[in-house]
Amino acid sequence: MPLKRTMVYADADDLAVLKAAAARSDVSEAEIIRNAIHLAAQRVRRRSEPLRLRRFASGDPSLAERVDEFLADDFGGGHQERS
């Protein structure tokens, strides 16, 4: 992907931490900044997209009322394992 140049203003303390981290990790300051921008963009993108939750119809109208029973079975609530 081609890179584009931009200018940002940053706190002097943050820049000092960035410079030290780059020196310790043998990674350029620019690479650290690019990674941070990428992570921020991904987080914003995920928050702006609607959740894609799958839905299903069990056909059992009492399923929601019996959720504790199913959880107890799966998490060792004293019931025998299913075969």
PDB file of N, CA and C in Angstrom:
ATOM      1  N   MET A   1       0.858  -1.170   0.000  1.00  0.00           N
ATOM      2  CA  MET A   1       0.000   0.000   0.000  1.00  0.00           C
ATOM      3  C   MET A   1       0.902   1.230   0.000  1.00  0.00           C
ATOM      4  N   PRO A   2       0.632   2.187  -0.862  1.00  0.00           N
ATOM      5  CA  PRO A   2       1.474   3.388  -0.899  1.00  0.00           C
ATOM      6  C   PRO A   2       1.259   4.236   0.352  1.00  0.00           C
ATOM      7  N   LEU A   3       2.319   4.847   0.804  1.00  0.00           N
ATOM      8  CA  LEU A   3       2.252   5.690   1.992  1.00  0.00           C
ATOM      9  C   LEU A   3       2.024   7.133   1.587  1.00  0.00           C
ATOM     10  N   LYS A   4       1.299   7.883   2.422  1.00  0.00           N
ATOM     11  CA  LYS A   4       1.079   9.301   2.201  1.00  0.00           C
ATOM     12  C   LYS A   4       1.649  10.052   3.388  1.00  0.00           C
ATOM     13  N   ARG A   5       2.175  11.209   3.126  1.00  0.00           N
ATOM     14  CA  ARG A   5       2.767  12.040   4.167  1.00  0.00           C
ATOM     15  C   ARG A   5       1.680  12.885   4.823  1.00  0.00           C
ATOM     16  N   THR A   6       1.798  13.033   6.150  1.00  0.00           N
ATOM     17  CA  THR A   6       0.905  13.912   6.893  1.00  0.00           C
ATOM     18  C   THR A   6       1.680  14.517   8.047  1.00  0.00           C
ATOM     19  N   MET A   7       1.141  15.552   8.641  1.00  0.00           N
ATOM     20  CA  MET A   7       1.800  16.187   9.774  1.00  0.00           C
ATOM     21  C   MET A   7       0.871  16.097  10.980  1.00  0.00           C
ATOM     22  N   VAL A   8       1.415  15.722  12.102  1.00  0.00           N
ATOM     23  CA  VAL A   8       0.642  15.676  13.340  1.00  0.00           C
ATOM     24  C   VAL A   8       1.427  16.392  14.427  1.00  0.00           C
ATOM     25  N   TYR A   9       0.726  16.887  15.412  1.00  0.00           N
ATOM     26  CA  TYR A   9       1.345  17.497  16.579  1.00  0.00           C
ATOM     27  C   TYR A   9       1.215  16.512  17.724  1.00  0.00           C
ATOM     28  N   ALA A  10       2.283  16.345  18.485  1.00  0.00           N
ATOM     29  CA  ALA A  10       2.269  15.396  19.594  1.00  0.00           C
ATOM     30  C   ALA A  10       2.902  16.029  20.818  1.00  0.00           C
ATOM     31  N   ASP A  11       2.498  15.554  21.962  1.00  0.00           N
ATOM     32  CA  ASP A  11       3.042  15.999  23.235  1.00  0.00           C
ATOM     33  C   ASP A  11       4.535  15.646  23.308  1.00  0.00           C
ATOM     34  N   ALA A  12       5.353  16.555  23.815  1.00  0.00           N
ATOM     35  CA  ALA A  12       6.805  16.337  23.894  1.00  0.00           C
ATOM     36  C   ALA A  12       7.145  15.103  24.724  1.00  0.00           C
ATOM     37  N   ASP A  13       6.415  14.865  25.808  1.00  0.00           N
ATOM     38  CA  ASP A  13       6.678  13.675  26.634  1.00  0.00           C
ATOM     39  C   ASP A  13       6.377  12.396  25.856  1.00  0.00           C
ATOM     40  N   ASP A  14       5.296  12.406  25.088  1.00  0.00           N
ATOM     41  CA  ASP A  14       4.958  11.229  24.284  1.00  0.00           C
ATOM     42  C   ASP A  14       6.034  10.963  23.235  1.00  0.00           C
ATOM     43  N   LEU A  15       6.539  12.034  22.648  1.00  0.00           N
ATOM     44  CA  LEU A  15       7.588  11.870  21.638  1.00  0.00           C
ATOM     45  C   LEU A  15       8.866  11.312  22.254  1.00  0.00           C
ATOM     46  N   ALA A  16       9.172  11.712  23.479  1.00  0.00           N
ATOM     47  CA  ALA A  16      10.364  11.189  24.158  1.00  0.00           C
ATOM     48  C   ALA A  16      10.204   9.701  24.435  1.00  0.00           C
ATOM     49  N   VAL A  17       9.022   9.305  24.856  1.00  0.00           N
ATOM     50  CA  VAL A  17       8.753   7.878  25.101  1.00  0.00           C
ATOM     51  C   VAL A  17       8.855   7.108  23.788  1.00  0.00           C
ATOM     52  N   LEU A  18       8.319   7.672  22.736  1.00  0.00           N
ATOM     53  CA  LEU A  18       8.380   7.053  21.418  1.00  0.00           C
ATOM     54  C   LEU A  18       9.826   6.865  20.954  1.00  0.00           C
ATOM     55  N   LYS A  19      10.632   7.895  21.116  1.00  0.00           N
ATOM     56  CA  LYS A  19      12.035   7.845  20.710  1.00  0.00           C
ATOM     57  C   LYS A  19      12.776   6.754  21.489  1.00  0.00           C
ATOM     58  N   ALA A  20      12.534   6.666  22.796  1.00  0.00           N
ATOM     59  CA  ALA A  20      13.182   5.648  23.623  1.00  0.00           C
ATOM     60  C   ALA A  20      12.735   4.251  23.216  1.00  0.00           C
ATOM     61  N   ALA A  21      11.443   4.090  22.940  1.00  0.00           N
ATOM     62  CA  ALA A  21      10.927   2.782  22.530  1.00  0.00           C
ATOM     63  C   ALA A  21      11.526   2.362  21.201  1.00  0.00           C
ATOM     64  N   ALA A  22      11.670   3.291  20.287  1.00  0.00           N
ATOM     65  CA  ALA A  22      12.256   2.983  18.985  1.00  0.00           C
ATOM     66  C   ALA A  22      13.711   2.542  19.145  1.00  0.00           C
ATOM     67  N   ALA A  23      14.442   3.210  20.004  1.00  0.00           N
ATOM     68  CA  ALA A  23      15.848   2.857  20.225  1.00  0.00           C
ATOM     69  C   ALA A  23      15.977   1.472  20.852  1.00  0.00           C
ATOM     70  N   ARG A  24      15.097   1.162  21.799  1.00  0.00           N
ATOM     71  CA  ARG A  24      15.142  -0.149  22.471  1.00  0.00           C
ATOM     72  C   ARG A  24      14.757  -1.292  21.551  1.00  0.00           C
ATOM     73  N   SER A  25      13.807  -1.056  20.674  1.00  0.00           N
ATOM     74  CA  SER A  25      13.259  -2.146  19.862  1.00  0.00           C
ATOM     75  C   SER A  25      13.878  -2.239  18.475  1.00  0.00           C
ATOM     76  N   ASP A  26      14.763  -1.331  18.156  1.00  0.00           N
ATOM     77  CA  ASP A  26      15.396  -1.310  16.835  1.00  0.00           C
ATOM     78  C   ASP A  26      14.357  -1.179  15.719  1.00  0.00           C
ATOM     79  N   VAL A  27      13.306  -0.416  16.004  1.00  0.00           N
ATOM     80  CA  VAL A  27      12.244  -0.111  15.044  1.00  0.00           C
ATOM     81  C   VAL A  27      12.187   1.408  14.941  1.00  0.00           C
ATOM     82  N   SER A  28      11.963   1.915  13.764  1.00  0.00           N
ATOM     83  CA  SER A  28      11.944   3.370  13.597  1.00  0.00           C
ATOM     84  C   SER A  28      10.732   3.992  14.293  1.00  0.00           C
ATOM     85  N   GLU A  29      10.907   5.257  14.656  1.00  0.00           N
ATOM     86  CA  GLU A  29       9.790   5.997  15.239  1.00  0.00           C
ATOM     87  C   GLU A  29       8.620   6.034  14.257  1.00  0.00           C
ATOM     88  N   ALA A  30       8.926   6.205  12.988  1.00  0.00           N
ATOM     89  CA  ALA A  30       7.880   6.264  11.965  1.00  0.00           C
ATOM     90  C   ALA A  30       7.077   4.974  11.908  1.00  0.00           C
ATOM     91  N   GLU A  31       7.764   3.838  12.046  1.00  0.00           N
ATOM     92  CA  GLU A  31       7.060   2.549  12.012  1.00  0.00           C
ATOM     93  C   GLU A  31       6.131   2.403  13.216  1.00  0.00           C
ATOM     94  N   ILE A  32       6.601   2.830  14.374  1.00  0.00           N
ATOM     95  CA  ILE A  32       5.752   2.781  15.575  1.00  0.00           C
ATOM     96  C   ILE A  32       4.521   3.662  15.374  1.00  0.00           C
ATOM     97  N   ILE A  33       4.729   4.845  14.827  1.00  0.00           N
ATOM     98  CA  ILE A  33       3.606   5.757  14.589  1.00  0.00           C
ATOM     99  C   ILE A  33       2.642   5.167  13.559  1.00  0.00           C
ATOM    100  N   ARG A  34       3.163   4.580  12.478  1.00  0.00           N
ATOM    101  CA  ARG A  34       2.284   3.957  11.469  1.00  0.00           C
ATOM    102  C   ARG A  34       1.459   2.832  12.089  1.00  0.00           C
ATOM    103  N   ASN A  35       2.088   2.021  12.924  1.00  0.00           N
ATOM    104  CA  ASN A  35       1.350   0.937  13.586  1.00  0.00           C
ATOM    105  C   ASN A  35       0.258   1.495  14.495  1.00  0.00           C
ATOM    106  N   ALA A  36       0.569   2.561  15.221  1.00  0.00           N
ATOM    107  CA  ALA A  36      -0.424   3.168  16.117  1.00  0.00           C
ATOM    108  C   ALA A  36      -1.601   3.734  15.325  1.00  0.00           C
ATOM    109  N   ILE A  37      -1.307   4.386  14.208  1.00  0.00           N
ATOM    110  CA  ILE A  37      -2.379   4.927  13.356  1.00  0.00           C
ATOM    111  C   ILE A  37      -3.243   3.792  12.819  1.00  0.00           C
ATOM    112  N   HIS A  38      -2.603   2.714  12.395  1.00  0.00           N
ATOM    113  CA  HIS A  38      -3.356   1.573  11.868  1.00  0.00           C
ATOM    114  C   HIS A  38      -4.282   0.992  12.945  1.00  0.00           C
ATOM    115  N   LEU A  39      -3.767   0.798  14.146  1.00  0.00           N
ATOM    116  CA  LEU A  39      -4.594   0.255  15.226  1.00  0.00           C
ATOM    117  C   LEU A  39      -5.757   1.184  15.561  1.00  0.00           C
ATOM    118  N   ALA A  40      -5.503   2.489  15.591  1.00  0.00           N
ATOM    119  CA  ALA A  40      -6.573   3.447  15.874  1.00  0.00           C
ATOM    120  C   ALA A  40      -7.630   3.419  14.779  1.00  0.00           C
ATOM    121  N   ALA A  41      -7.204   3.338  13.535  1.00  0.00           N
ATOM    122  CA  ALA A  41      -8.156   3.292  12.418  1.00  0.00           C
ATOM    123  C   ALA A  41      -9.010   2.027  12.483  1.00  0.00           C
ATOM    124  N   GLN A  42      -8.395   0.901  12.821  1.00  0.00           N
ATOM    125  CA  GLN A  42      -9.145  -0.353  12.927  1.00  0.00           C
ATOM    126  C   GLN A  42     -10.175  -0.272  14.042  1.00  0.00           C
ATOM    127  N   ARG A  43      -9.797   0.316  15.179  1.00  0.00           N
ATOM    128  CA  ARG A  43     -10.722   0.425  16.307  1.00  0.00           C
ATOM    129  C   ARG A  43     -11.907   1.306  15.927  1.00  0.00           C
ATOM    130  N   VAL A  44     -11.657   2.426  15.277  1.00  0.00           N
ATOM    131  CA  VAL A  44     -12.742   3.320  14.860  1.00  0.00           C
ATOM    132  C   VAL A  44     -13.640   2.624  13.846  1.00  0.00           C
ATOM    133  N   ARG A  45     -13.033   1.909  12.897  1.00  0.00           N
ATOM    134  CA  ARG A  45     -13.810   1.208  11.868  1.00  0.00           C
ATOM    135  C   ARG A  45     -14.733   0.179  12.513  1.00  0.00           C
ATOM    136  N   ARG A  46     -14.202  -0.606  13.473  1.00  0.00           N
ATOM    137  CA  ARG A  46     -15.030  -1.630  14.119  1.00  0.00           C
ATOM    138  C   ARG A  46     -16.176  -1.016  14.893  1.00  0.00           C
ATOM    139  N   ARG A  47     -15.945   0.119  15.530  1.00  0.00           N
ATOM    140  CA  ARG A  47     -17.007   0.752  16.317  1.00  0.00           C
ATOM    141  C   ARG A  47     -18.094   1.343  15.443  1.00  0.00           C
ATOM    142  N   SER A  48     -17.746   1.735  14.221  1.00  0.00           N
ATOM    143  CA  SER A  48     -18.740   2.369  13.367  1.00  0.00           C
ATOM    144  C   SER A  48     -19.552   1.360  12.560  1.00  0.00           C
ATOM    145  N   GLU A  49     -19.103   0.122  12.493  1.00  0.00           N
ATOM    146  CA  GLU A  49     -19.848  -0.905  11.761  1.00  0.00           C
ATOM    147  C   GLU A  49     -20.846  -1.563  12.697  1.00  0.00           C
ATOM    148  N   PRO A  50     -22.014  -1.887  12.182  1.00  0.00           N
ATOM    149  CA  PRO A  50     -22.990  -2.575  13.036  1.00  0.00           C
ATOM    150  C   PRO A  50     -22.491  -3.977  13.389  1.00  0.00           C
ATOM    151  N   LEU A  51     -22.869  -4.432  14.570  1.00  0.00           N
ATOM    152  CA  LEU A  51     -22.511  -5.792  14.970  1.00  0.00           C
ATOM    153  C   LEU A  51     -23.225  -6.783  14.069  1.00  0.00           C
ATOM    154  N   ARG A  52     -22.509  -7.802  13.679  1.00  0.00           N
ATOM    155  CA  ARG A  52     -23.105  -8.829  12.823  1.00  0.00           C
ATOM    156  C   ARG A  52     -23.303 -10.089  13.656  1.00  0.00           C
ATOM    157  N   LEU A  53     -24.369 -10.075  14.430  1.00  0.00           N
ATOM    158  CA  LEU A  53     -24.660 -11.218  15.282  1.00  0.00           C
ATOM    159  C   LEU A  53     -25.590 -12.164  14.537  1.00  0.00           C
ATOM    160  N   ARG A  54     -25.245 -13.423  14.608  1.00  0.00           N
ATOM    161  CA  ARG A  54     -26.109 -14.416  13.962  1.00  0.00           C
ATOM    162  C   ARG A  54     -27.309 -14.685  14.855  1.00  0.00           C
ATOM    163  N   ARG A  55     -28.420 -14.878  14.237  1.00  0.00           N
ATOM    164  CA  ARG A  55     -29.643 -15.199  14.969  1.00  0.00           C
ATOM    165  C   ARG A  55     -30.145 -16.553  14.505  1.00  0.00           C
ATOM    166  N   PHE A  56     -30.849 -17.209  15.390  1.00  0.00           N
ATOM    167  CA  PHE A  56     -31.414 -18.496  15.025  1.00  0.00           C
ATOM    168  C   PHE A  56     -32.739 -18.669  15.737  1.00  0.00           C
ATOM    169  N   ALA A  57     -33.534 -19.538  15.220  1.00  0.00           N
ATOM    170  CA  ALA A  57     -34.814 -19.884  15.845  1.00  0.00           C
ATOM    171  C   ALA A  57     -34.714 -21.325  16.300  1.00  0.00           C
ATOM    172  N   SER A  58     -34.749 -21.537  17.603  1.00  0.00           N
ATOM    173  CA  SER A  58     -34.609 -22.891  18.134  1.00  0.00           C
ATOM    174  C   SER A  58     -35.893 -23.693  17.989  1.00  0.00           C
ATOM    175  N   GLY A  59     -37.012 -22.998  17.905  1.00  0.00           N
ATOM    176  CA  GLY A  59     -38.294 -23.696  17.863  1.00  0.00           C
ATOM    177  C   GLY A  59     -38.753 -24.103  19.256  1.00  0.00           C
ATOM    178  N   ASP A  60     -37.976 -23.749  20.282  1.00  0.00           N
ATOM    179  CA  ASP A  60     -38.306 -24.099  21.668  1.00  0.00           C
ATOM    180  C   ASP A  60     -38.646 -22.823  22.426  1.00  0.00           C
ATOM    181  N   PRO A  61     -39.924 -22.550  22.662  1.00  0.00           N
ATOM    182  CA  PRO A  61     -40.298 -21.305  23.324  1.00  0.00           C
ATOM    183  C   PRO A  61     -39.818 -21.215  24.774  1.00  0.00           C
ATOM    184  N   SER A  62     -39.424 -22.333  25.375  1.00  0.00           N
ATOM    185  CA  SER A  62     -38.975 -22.297  26.772  1.00  0.00           C
ATOM    186  C   SER A  62     -37.455 -22.241  26.900  1.00  0.00           C
ATOM    187  N   LEU A  63     -36.740 -22.130  25.783  1.00  0.00           N
ATOM    188  CA  LEU A  63     -35.281 -22.159  25.799  1.00  0.00           C
ATOM    189  C   LEU A  63     -34.692 -21.067  26.694  1.00  0.00           C
ATOM    190  N   ALA A  64     -35.153 -19.829  26.565  1.00  0.00           N
ATOM    191  CA  ALA A  64     -34.608 -18.729  27.358  1.00  0.00           C
ATOM    192  C   ALA A  64     -34.825 -18.951  28.845  1.00  0.00           C
ATOM    193  N   GLU A  65     -35.960 -19.557  29.214  1.00  0.00           N
ATOM    194  CA  GLU A  65     -36.253 -19.804  30.626  1.00  0.00           C
ATOM    195  C   GLU A  65     -35.346 -20.890  31.196  1.00  0.00           C
ATOM    196  N   ARG A  66     -34.798 -21.782  30.340  1.00  0.00           N
ATOM    197  CA  ARG A  66     -33.982 -22.906  30.816  1.00  0.00           C
ATOM    198  C   ARG A  66     -32.487 -22.696  30.598  1.00  0.00           C
ATOM    199  N   VAL A  67     -32.053 -21.465  30.332  1.00  0.00           N
ATOM    200  CA  VAL A  67     -30.651 -21.211  30.039  1.00  0.00           C
ATOM    201  C   VAL A  67     -29.743 -21.630  31.193  1.00  0.00           C
ATOM    202  N   ASP A  68     -30.158 -21.412  32.445  1.00  0.00           N
ATOM    203  CA  ASP A  68     -29.332 -21.799  33.594  1.00  0.00           C
ATOM    204  C   ASP A  68     -29.113 -23.313  33.632  1.00  0.00           C
ATOM    205  N   GLU A  69     -30.117 -24.056  33.267  1.00  0.00           N
ATOM    206  CA  GLU A  69     -29.994 -25.517  33.227  1.00  0.00           C
ATOM    207  C   GLU A  69     -28.935 -25.938  32.205  1.00  0.00           C
ATOM    208  N   PHE A  70     -28.969 -25.322  31.031  1.00  0.00           N
ATOM    209  CA  PHE A  70     -27.994 -25.672  30.000  1.00  0.00           C
ATOM    210  C   PHE A  70     -26.584 -25.274  30.404  1.00  0.00           C
ATOM    211  N   LEU A  71     -26.450 -24.100  31.008  1.00  0.00           N
ATOM    212  CA  LEU A  71     -25.126 -23.656  31.447  1.00  0.00           C
ATOM    213  C   LEU A  71     -24.579 -24.561  32.540  1.00  0.00           C
ATOM    214  N   ALA A  72     -25.438 -24.987  33.464  1.00  0.00           N
ATOM    215  CA  ALA A  72     -24.996 -25.878  34.529  1.00  0.00           C
ATOM    216  C   ALA A  72     -24.515 -27.205  33.951  1.00  0.00           C
ATOM    217  N   ASP A  73     -25.197 -27.703  32.943  1.00  0.00           N
ATOM    218  CA  ASP A  73     -24.780 -28.948  32.290  1.00  0.00           C
ATOM    219  C   ASP A  73     -23.390 -28.798  31.677  1.00  0.00           C
ATOM    220  N   ASP A  74     -23.165 -27.705  30.982  1.00  0.00           N
ATOM    221  CA  ASP A  74     -21.904 -27.510  30.281  1.00  0.00           C
ATOM    222  C   ASP A  74     -20.745 -27.134  31.195  1.00  0.00           C
ATOM    223  N   PHE A  75     -21.031 -26.523  32.326  1.00  0.00           N
ATOM    224  CA  PHE A  75     -19.968 -26.057  33.204  1.00  0.00           C
ATOM    225  C   PHE A  75     -19.875 -26.868  34.492  1.00  0.00           C
ATOM    226  N   GLY A  76     -20.315 -28.098  34.462  1.00  0.00           N
ATOM    227  CA  GLY A  76     -20.136 -28.986  35.609  1.00  0.00           C
ATOM    228  C   GLY A  76     -21.011 -28.648  36.798  1.00  0.00           C
ATOM    229  N   GLY A  77     -22.228 -28.327  36.557  1.00  0.00           N
ATOM    230  CA  GLY A  77     -23.135 -27.976  37.650  1.00  0.00           C
ATOM    231  C   GLY A  77     -23.720 -29.191  38.336  1.00  0.00           C
ATOM    232  N   GLY A  78     -23.002 -30.305  38.380  1.00  0.00           N
ATOM    233  CA  GLY A  78     -23.479 -31.469  39.098  1.00  0.00           C
ATOM    234  C   GLY A  78     -24.180 -32.486  38.227  1.00  0.00           C
ATOM    235  N   HIS A  79     -24.369 -32.209  36.965  1.00  0.00           N
ATOM    236  CA  HIS A  79     -25.031 -33.156  36.083  1.00  0.00           C
ATOM    237  C   HIS A  79     -23.988 -34.050  35.412  1.00  0.00           C
ATOM    238  N   GLN A  80     -24.385 -35.239  35.027  1.00  0.00           N
ATOM    239  CA  GLN A  80     -23.487 -36.157  34.348  1.00  0.00           C
ATOM    240  C   GLN A  80     -23.227 -35.656  32.935  1.00  0.00           C
ATOM    241  N   GLU A  81     -22.033 -36.003  32.400  1.00  0.00           N
ATOM    242  CA  GLU A  81     -21.721 -35.614  31.037  1.00  0.00           C
ATOM    243  C   GLU A  81     -22.595 -36.373  30.057  1.00  0.00           C
ATOM    244  N   ARG A  82     -22.873 -35.715  28.969  1.00  0.00           N
ATOM    245  CA  ARG A  82     -23.667 -36.373  27.913  1.00  0.00           C
ATOM    246  C   ARG A  82     -22.746 -37.247  27.095  1.00  0.00           C
ATOM    247  N   SER A  83     -23.273 -38.332  26.565  1.00  0.00           N
ATOM    248  CA  SER A  83     -22.447 -39.197  25.720  1.00  0.00           C
ATOM    249  C   SER A  83     -22.714 -38.953  24.273  1.00  0.00           C
TER     250      SER A  83
END
